[in-house]
Amino acid sequence: MTIDVNLNKSSPSNFELVFPKIPTETTIQASDEFTLNIFGTIIPGLNIDSTEYRWQFAKTIQASGNISFEPWSVNFIVDSQLLNWKLLYKWITYINNNKDSFDGIHKNYVVDATLRIIDNFRNEILRILFVDIWPQTLGEIAFSHREGETVLECMASFAYDRFELIEEE
């Protein structure tokens, strides 16, 4: 008899996005972690800049610059009081509100956030640390009445400096 080692597959409920503190929050509860209830995301791509060189009629490509990281998009469930959506809205308008605040000081509106990836036994298998992250886009929320349970969903896109893999040893 053989045992199937693939039983511990990751499922969509096995990841969470955690922010240690949002720059706009000043209440006592602001010291608590903020976990965004995401239901979908893709780990962003990255690439290293390269340059083409020619030498003695041959062509070669070499790494020549920085690593660039693509924006990160997440889909999340909006809570019944829209608190998580309002928190991200306040964060974006803290950076630029089109009225009297047009460009904040970068270090004042970025935080580090962690995407925790957990197996089916609630053991953390990987953390991805997004360094100096800030919301770039806050998507629409569709309000509608249909048969069944009403769920409000939204998309957010984040810019960040880099991400790092943190593996448990």
Protein backbone atom coordinates (compact mmCIF):
# COMPACT_ATOMS: atom_id res chain seq x y z
CA MET A 1 0.00 0.00 0.00
CA THR A 2 1.36 3.41 -0.95
CA ILE A 3 0.54 6.69 0.73
CA ASP A 4 -0.24 9.66 -1.48
CA VAL A 5 2.19 12.41 -0.46
CA ASN A 6 0.16 15.03 -2.37
CA LEU A 7 -2.63 15.12 0.21
CA ASN A 8 -1.27 18.32 1.70
CA LYS A 9 -2.08 20.55 -1.26
CA SER A 10 -2.41 24.25 -0.64
CA SER A 11 -5.88 25.70 -1.04
CA PRO A 12 -7.01 29.30 -1.54
CA SER A 13 -7.79 29.69 2.15
CA ASN A 14 -4.18 29.02 3.03
CA PHE A 15 -2.72 32.47 2.64
CA GLU A 16 -3.20 35.82 4.33
CA LEU A 17 -1.89 39.34 3.91
CA VAL A 18 -0.77 41.02 7.13
CA PHE A 19 0.15 44.68 7.64
CA PRO A 20 1.82 45.56 10.96
CA LYS A 21 0.45 49.12 11.05
CA ILE A 22 -1.18 51.39 8.48
CA PRO A 23 0.33 54.92 8.39
CA THR A 24 -3.05 56.67 8.64
CA GLU A 25 -4.22 54.83 11.74
CA THR A 26 -3.79 56.60 15.09
CA THR A 27 -6.21 54.72 17.35
CA ILE A 28 -5.23 52.27 20.08
CA GLN A 29 -6.30 49.42 17.81
CA ALA A 30 -3.80 50.69 15.21
CA SER A 31 -1.05 48.82 17.02
CA ASP A 32 -2.83 45.57 16.13
CA GLU A 33 -1.95 43.76 12.93
CA PHE A 34 -4.32 44.38 10.06
CA THR A 35 -5.06 41.20 8.10
CA LEU A 36 -6.65 41.75 4.72
CA ASN A 37 -9.00 38.88 3.91
CA ILE A 38 -7.64 38.10 0.44
CA PHE A 39 -9.12 35.33 -1.67
CA GLY A 40 -6.91 35.65 -4.74
CA THR A 41 -3.46 36.86 -5.66
CA ILE A 42 -0.50 36.04 -7.84
CA ILE A 43 3.06 36.40 -6.60
CA PRO A 44 4.37 39.19 -8.84
CA GLY A 45 7.01 38.70 -11.48
CA LEU A 46 10.45 40.24 -11.40
CA ASN A 47 13.17 40.77 -13.94
CA ILE A 48 16.73 41.94 -14.04
CA ASP A 49 17.70 44.63 -16.53
CA SER A 50 20.02 43.43 -19.26
CA THR A 51 22.13 44.96 -22.00
CA GLU A 52 23.14 43.52 -25.34
CA TYR A 53 26.85 43.62 -26.12
CA ARG A 54 28.63 42.87 -29.38
CA TRP A 55 32.18 41.60 -29.46
CA GLN A 56 33.97 40.20 -32.50
CA PHE A 57 30.76 39.74 -34.47
CA ALA A 58 29.10 37.87 -31.61
CA LYS A 59 26.18 39.02 -29.56
CA THR A 60 25.81 38.45 -25.83
CA ILE A 61 23.32 39.61 -23.24
CA GLN A 62 24.51 40.41 -19.73
CA ALA A 63 22.87 41.55 -16.54
CA SER A 64 23.40 45.28 -16.33
CA GLY A 65 21.11 46.80 -13.81
CA ASN A 66 18.58 46.55 -11.08
CA ILE A 67 15.87 44.03 -10.46
CA SER A 68 12.43 45.48 -11.13
CA PHE A 69 9.31 44.10 -9.48
CA GLU A 70 5.86 44.17 -11.06
CA PRO A 71 2.95 45.75 -9.14
CA TRP A 72 1.12 43.33 -6.88
CA SER A 73 -2.63 42.83 -7.14
CA VAL A 74 -4.83 41.15 -4.56
CA ASN A 75 -8.55 40.41 -4.48
CA PHE A 76 -10.17 40.70 -1.07
CA ILE A 77 -13.52 40.27 0.65
CA VAL A 78 -14.90 43.61 1.89
CA ASP A 79 -16.21 43.29 5.42
CA SER A 80 -19.85 44.11 6.27
CA GLN A 81 -19.03 47.61 7.55
CA LEU A 82 -16.54 48.33 4.72
CA LEU A 83 -13.83 48.91 7.34
CA ASN A 84 -11.01 47.26 5.37
CA TRP A 85 -11.99 49.14 2.18
CA LYS A 86 -12.16 52.46 4.10
CA LEU A 87 -8.76 51.79 5.65
CA LEU A 88 -7.17 51.35 2.20
CA TYR A 89 -9.08 54.40 0.90
CA LYS A 90 -7.74 56.54 3.76
CA TRP A 91 -4.24 55.25 3.08
CA ILE A 92 -4.40 56.25 -0.59
CA THR A 93 -5.86 59.68 0.17
CA TYR A 94 -3.22 60.16 2.86
CA ILE A 95 -0.63 59.92 0.06
CA ASN A 96 -2.53 62.17 -2.36
CA ASN A 97 -6.05 63.53 -1.85
CA ASN A 98 -6.30 65.88 -4.88
CA LYS A 99 -7.18 68.73 -2.52
CA ASP A 100 -4.38 69.81 -0.22
CA SER A 101 -2.03 66.83 -0.03
CA PHE A 102 -0.53 65.96 -3.41
CA ASP A 103 2.60 63.99 -2.61
CA GLY A 104 3.54 62.65 0.76
CA ILE A 105 7.03 61.91 1.97
CA HIS A 106 7.71 58.34 0.84
CA LYS A 107 8.97 57.02 4.19
CA ASN A 108 5.80 58.35 5.89
CA TYR A 109 3.33 56.30 3.84
CA VAL A 110 5.06 52.95 3.28
CA VAL A 111 5.08 49.89 5.52
CA ASP A 112 6.31 46.32 5.23
CA ALA A 113 3.62 43.69 4.69
CA THR A 114 3.77 39.92 4.85
CA LEU A 115 2.02 37.34 2.71
CA ARG A 116 1.83 34.21 4.89
CA ILE A 117 1.45 30.90 3.10
CA ILE A 118 0.13 28.13 5.32
CA ASP A 119 -0.35 24.41 4.70
CA ASN A 120 -3.55 22.52 5.49
CA PHE A 121 -2.29 21.81 9.02
CA ARG A 122 -1.92 25.58 9.74
CA ASN A 123 1.88 25.33 9.62
CA GLU A 124 3.54 28.34 8.03
CA ILE A 125 5.59 27.15 5.05
CA LEU A 126 6.68 30.47 3.57
CA ARG A 127 6.43 34.18 4.19
CA ILE A 128 6.94 36.78 1.50
CA LEU A 129 7.92 40.15 2.92
CA PHE A 130 6.95 43.12 0.73
CA VAL A 131 9.29 45.96 1.70
CA ASP A 132 8.05 49.59 1.62
CA ILE A 133 4.63 48.73 0.22
CA TRP A 134 1.83 51.23 -0.44
CA PRO A 135 -1.56 51.01 -2.19
CA GLN A 136 -1.50 52.20 -5.79
CA THR A 137 -5.00 51.22 -6.90
CA LEU A 138 -8.21 50.51 -5.02
CA GLY A 139 -10.76 48.87 -7.26
CA GLU A 140 -14.49 49.18 -7.44
CA ILE A 141 -17.03 47.46 -5.21
CA ALA A 142 -20.13 46.14 -6.93
CA PHE A 143 -23.34 46.32 -4.89
CA SER A 144 -26.07 44.00 -6.12
CA HIS A 145 -28.82 41.71 -4.89
CA ARG A 146 -28.82 38.18 -6.23
CA GLU A 147 -29.99 34.85 -4.98
CA GLY A 148 -27.74 33.38 -2.35
CA GLU A 149 -25.18 35.01 -0.12
CA THR A 150 -24.15 38.57 -0.95
CA VAL A 151 -20.39 39.01 -0.87
CA LEU A 152 -18.63 42.29 -1.53
CA GLU A 153 -15.33 41.92 -3.33
CA CYS A 154 -12.65 44.43 -4.26
CA MET A 155 -9.22 44.51 -5.90
CA ALA A 156 -6.20 46.45 -4.67
CA SER A 157 -2.87 46.95 -6.38
CA PHE A 158 0.29 47.71 -4.43
CA ALA A 159 3.65 49.22 -5.34
CA TYR A 160 6.68 48.25 -3.27
CA ASP A 161 10.46 48.37 -3.27
CA ARG A 162 11.12 44.63 -3.34
CA PHE A 163 9.99 41.35 -1.89
CA GLU A 164 12.00 38.83 0.08
CA LEU A 165 11.33 35.14 0.77
CA ILE A 166 11.44 34.16 4.41
CA GLU A 167 11.50 30.42 4.91
CA GLU A 168 11.16 28.64 8.22
CA GLU A 169 14.21 26.56 9.04
